[in-house]
Protein backbone atom coordinates (compact mmCIF):
# COMPACT_ATOMS: atom_id res chain seq x y z
CA MET A 1 29.36 45.72 -18.82
CA THR A 2 29.38 43.61 -15.24
CA PHE A 3 26.52 44.96 -14.21
CA ILE A 4 24.81 43.73 -18.03
CA ILE A 5 26.17 39.70 -16.70
CA ILE A 6 25.08 40.90 -12.80
CA LEU A 7 22.06 40.98 -14.12
CA ILE A 8 22.20 37.91 -16.68
CA ILE A 9 23.03 35.44 -13.78
CA LEU A 10 20.70 36.57 -11.33
CA PHE A 11 18.21 37.05 -14.06
CA VAL A 12 19.56 32.55 -14.41
CA LEU A 13 18.91 32.21 -11.05
CA PHE A 14 15.54 33.25 -10.60
CA LEU A 15 14.71 31.29 -13.58
CA SER A 16 16.13 28.54 -11.99
CA GLY A 17 13.86 28.51 -8.93
CA PHE A 18 10.61 27.30 -11.02
CA LYS A 19 9.45 24.21 -10.93
CA VAL A 20 6.44 21.82 -12.69
CA ILE A 21 4.15 19.93 -10.49
CA SER A 22 2.68 17.38 -12.26
CA GLN A 23 -0.99 17.26 -11.94
CA SER A 24 -2.39 14.38 -8.87
CA THR A 25 0.85 14.76 -7.10
CA VAL A 26 2.42 16.80 -4.60
CA ALA A 27 6.51 18.57 -3.66
CA VAL A 28 7.20 18.50 0.26
CA VAL A 29 10.14 21.72 0.02
CA GLU A 30 12.63 21.98 2.41
CA LEU A 31 15.06 24.99 3.67
CA PHE A 32 18.70 23.91 4.90
CA GLY A 33 16.95 20.12 5.46
CA SER A 34 14.17 21.21 7.56
CA TYR A 35 10.16 21.10 6.41
CA ARG A 36 9.36 24.75 4.65
CA ARG A 37 5.71 23.97 2.86
CA THR A 38 3.88 21.65 0.59
CA ILE A 39 3.32 23.13 -2.41
CA SER A 40 1.11 21.38 -5.45
CA ALA A 41 0.26 20.96 -9.01
CA GLY A 42 1.82 23.32 -11.45
CA LEU A 43 3.85 25.93 -11.87
CA ARG A 44 6.23 26.76 -8.71
CA TRP A 45 9.14 28.94 -7.44
CA LYS A 46 11.06 27.70 -5.15
CA ILE A 47 14.12 29.65 -3.66
CA PRO A 48 17.46 29.02 -5.51
CA PHE A 49 19.97 26.72 -4.03
CA PHE A 50 18.14 27.26 -0.64
CA GLU A 51 15.14 25.10 -0.74
CA THR A 52 14.87 21.53 -1.97
CA ILE A 53 12.31 19.32 -3.43
CA ARG A 54 12.55 16.18 -1.18
CA GLU A 55 10.47 14.68 -2.28
CA ARG A 56 7.65 14.56 -5.63
CA VAL A 57 4.45 12.36 -3.82
CA THR A 58 1.16 11.56 -6.03
CA LEU A 59 -1.35 11.55 -4.69
CA ARG A 60 -3.25 8.99 -7.18
CA GLN A 61 -3.76 5.47 -5.58
CA GLN A 62 -1.28 3.22 -5.37
CA ASN A 63 -0.61 -0.53 -5.53
CA PHE A 64 0.51 -3.27 -3.77
CA ALA A 65 0.96 -6.74 -3.82
CA LEU A 66 1.87 -9.10 -1.91
CA THR A 67 2.03 -13.18 -1.28
CA GLY A 68 3.46 -15.28 1.68
CA GLN A 69 2.15 -18.41 3.15
CA TYR A 70 1.02 -18.13 6.88
CA PRO A 71 -0.27 -21.64 8.84
CA SER A 72 -3.65 -21.80 9.26
CA GLY A 73 -5.34 -22.61 13.08
CA ASP A 74 -5.74 -26.87 11.97
CA LYS A 75 -1.41 -26.35 10.73
CA VAL A 76 -1.17 -26.55 7.17
CA ILE A 77 0.47 -24.15 5.64
CA VAL A 78 -1.98 -21.90 3.29
CA THR A 79 -0.57 -19.77 0.41
CA ILE A 80 -2.90 -15.72 0.36
CA GLY A 81 -2.23 -13.57 -2.93
CA THR A 82 -3.41 -9.94 -1.63
CA ASN A 83 -3.74 -6.42 -3.48
CA LEU A 84 -4.13 -3.52 -1.62
CA LEU A 85 -4.84 -0.09 -2.31
CA TYR A 86 -3.92 2.79 -1.16
CA ALA A 87 -3.04 6.20 -1.05
CA ALA A 88 -1.27 8.98 0.52
CA ASP A 89 -3.83 11.54 2.71
CA PRO A 90 -3.90 14.48 0.58
CA SER A 91 -4.39 17.10 3.67
CA LEU A 92 -1.03 18.92 4.64
CA ASP A 93 -0.67 16.69 7.83
CA GLY A 94 -0.96 14.01 6.04
CA VAL A 95 1.67 14.55 3.39
CA LYS A 96 3.86 15.45 5.89
CA LYS A 97 3.83 11.94 8.09
CA TYR A 98 3.48 10.66 4.32
CA VAL A 99 7.52 11.88 4.11
CA TYR A 100 9.23 12.14 7.03
CA ILE A 101 7.47 9.07 9.70
CA LEU A 102 8.71 5.57 6.92
CA GLU A 103 12.46 4.93 6.37
CA ASP A 104 11.09 2.12 4.01
CA ARG A 105 7.72 2.43 3.23
CA GLN A 106 6.94 -0.81 1.49
CA GLY A 107 9.16 -3.08 3.95
CA SER A 108 6.84 -1.20 6.54
CA ILE A 109 3.39 -2.01 4.76
CA ALA A 110 4.72 -5.93 4.44
CA ALA A 111 5.26 -6.28 7.37
CA LEU A 112 1.58 -4.98 8.57
CA VAL A 113 -0.20 -6.64 5.44
CA GLU A 114 1.61 -10.24 6.97
CA ASN A 115 1.42 -9.81 10.41
CA SER A 116 -2.56 -8.54 10.46
CA LEU A 117 -2.44 -11.64 7.65
CA ARG A 118 -0.60 -13.99 9.93
CA THR A 119 -2.77 -12.87 13.03
CA TYR A 120 -6.36 -13.75 11.39
CA ILE A 121 -5.33 -17.23 9.46
CA ALA A 122 -3.99 -18.65 12.57
CA LYS A 123 -7.42 -18.20 14.10
CA GLU A 124 -8.87 -20.34 11.46
CA THR A 125 -9.00 -23.33 9.47
CA HIS A 126 -8.24 -23.77 6.12
CA GLN A 127 -11.39 -24.51 5.10
CA SER A 128 -12.93 -21.31 6.99
CA ILE A 129 -10.69 -19.25 5.03
CA LEU A 130 -11.68 -19.83 1.54
CA GLU A 131 -15.58 -19.19 3.08
CA LYS A 132 -14.47 -15.92 5.26
CA LYS A 133 -12.81 -14.48 2.08
CA GLU A 134 -14.46 -11.04 2.32
CA GLU A 135 -14.34 -11.15 6.64
CA LEU A 136 -11.04 -11.33 6.19
CA ALA A 137 -10.67 -8.51 3.75
CA HIS A 138 -12.46 -6.69 6.04
CA HIS A 139 -10.42 -7.56 8.92
CA ILE A 140 -7.06 -6.41 7.25
CA THR A 141 -9.01 -2.91 6.18
CA SER A 142 -9.79 -2.24 9.88
CA ASP A 143 -6.59 -3.84 11.65
CA LEU A 144 -4.28 -1.88 9.62
CA ALA A 145 -6.43 1.65 8.90
CA ILE A 146 -5.31 3.81 12.72
CA GLN A 147 -2.17 2.97 11.68
CA PHE A 148 -1.94 3.72 8.22
CA GLY A 149 -3.82 6.71 9.58
CA HIS A 150 -0.76 7.29 11.88
CA TRP A 151 2.09 7.14 8.27
CA GLY A 152 -0.77 9.97 6.73
CA MET A 153 -2.11 6.71 4.50
CA VAL A 154 -5.66 6.22 3.71
CA ILE A 155 -7.10 2.63 2.45
CA ILE A 156 -8.91 2.53 -0.40
CA GLY A 157 -9.94 -1.25 -0.53
CA PHE A 158 -7.64 -4.90 0.17
CA GLN A 159 -8.58 -7.82 -1.50
CA ILE A 160 -7.55 -11.05 -1.47
CA THR A 161 -6.72 -12.44 -4.63
CA ASN A 162 -5.27 -15.78 -4.11
CA VAL A 163 -6.26 -18.95 -1.70
CA THR A 164 -3.82 -21.49 -2.33
CA PHE A 165 -2.86 -25.41 0.16
CA PRO A 166 -0.49 -27.43 -1.04
CA GLU A 167 -0.91 -29.53 -2.89
CA THR A 168 -1.57 -33.01 -0.52
CA ILE A 169 -4.66 -30.82 1.18
CA THR A 170 -6.06 -29.65 -2.25
CA ASN A 171 -5.95 -33.69 -3.61
CA ALA A 172 -8.58 -34.77 0.10
CA MET A 173 -10.64 -31.96 -0.66
CA SER A 174 -11.16 -32.96 -4.51
CA GLU A 175 -11.73 -36.46 -2.87
CA VAL A 176 -14.16 -35.82 -0.09
CA VAL A 177 -16.54 -33.52 -2.62
CA ALA A 178 -16.12 -36.53 -5.67
CA SER A 179 -17.03 -38.80 -2.70
CA GLU A 180 -19.66 -36.95 -1.48
CA GLN A 181 -20.82 -36.58 -4.82
CA LEU A 182 -21.11 -39.88 -6.08
CA ARG A 183 -23.79 -40.48 -2.59
CA LYS A 184 -25.93 -38.27 -3.88
CA ALA A 185 -25.76 -39.81 -7.03
CA ALA A 186 -26.46 -43.04 -5.62
CA GLU A 187 -29.23 -41.86 -3.23
CA ASN A 188 -31.11 -39.86 -6.34
CA LYS A 189 -30.45 -44.09 -7.79
CA GLY A 190 -31.87 -45.61 -5.07
């Protein structure tokens, strides 16, 4: 009877080691707190009580939206909305870096994007920022790509979603455009 109870307990322990890893996901497994292996999607087995899943990492595209205020080269505070598309590097080394290098992944991404934006915006006038949105996005992507690689991430895309100036600047720009249109209309009449 005792032998049957021991067999049942061992069988239950064996079954408790099975884990299901979802599609487009990998799991980082640790043995006594140390990296052991990375397991891919499907039904997988880990040693009960000894191996633990540290983190499940999605390999899907992730979105990081950020809005901030930055001073331009001509000292105008510009509000810029951005959208960063990134994913975890699916290689074994990339997943390991993604899990272990950063403690605050979202905070580190925000700080890096803001620093890159602030550096670029400070060199441009507020008017040229509107004209160079694609150039700005390309600059940010190339500026961040190396650091993201060190963190086990790849950049898929970067978009400038919104550029807003203070109301007084917007009104002044509108007046300039309106007066230029009136001047052109007067020239056409004459």
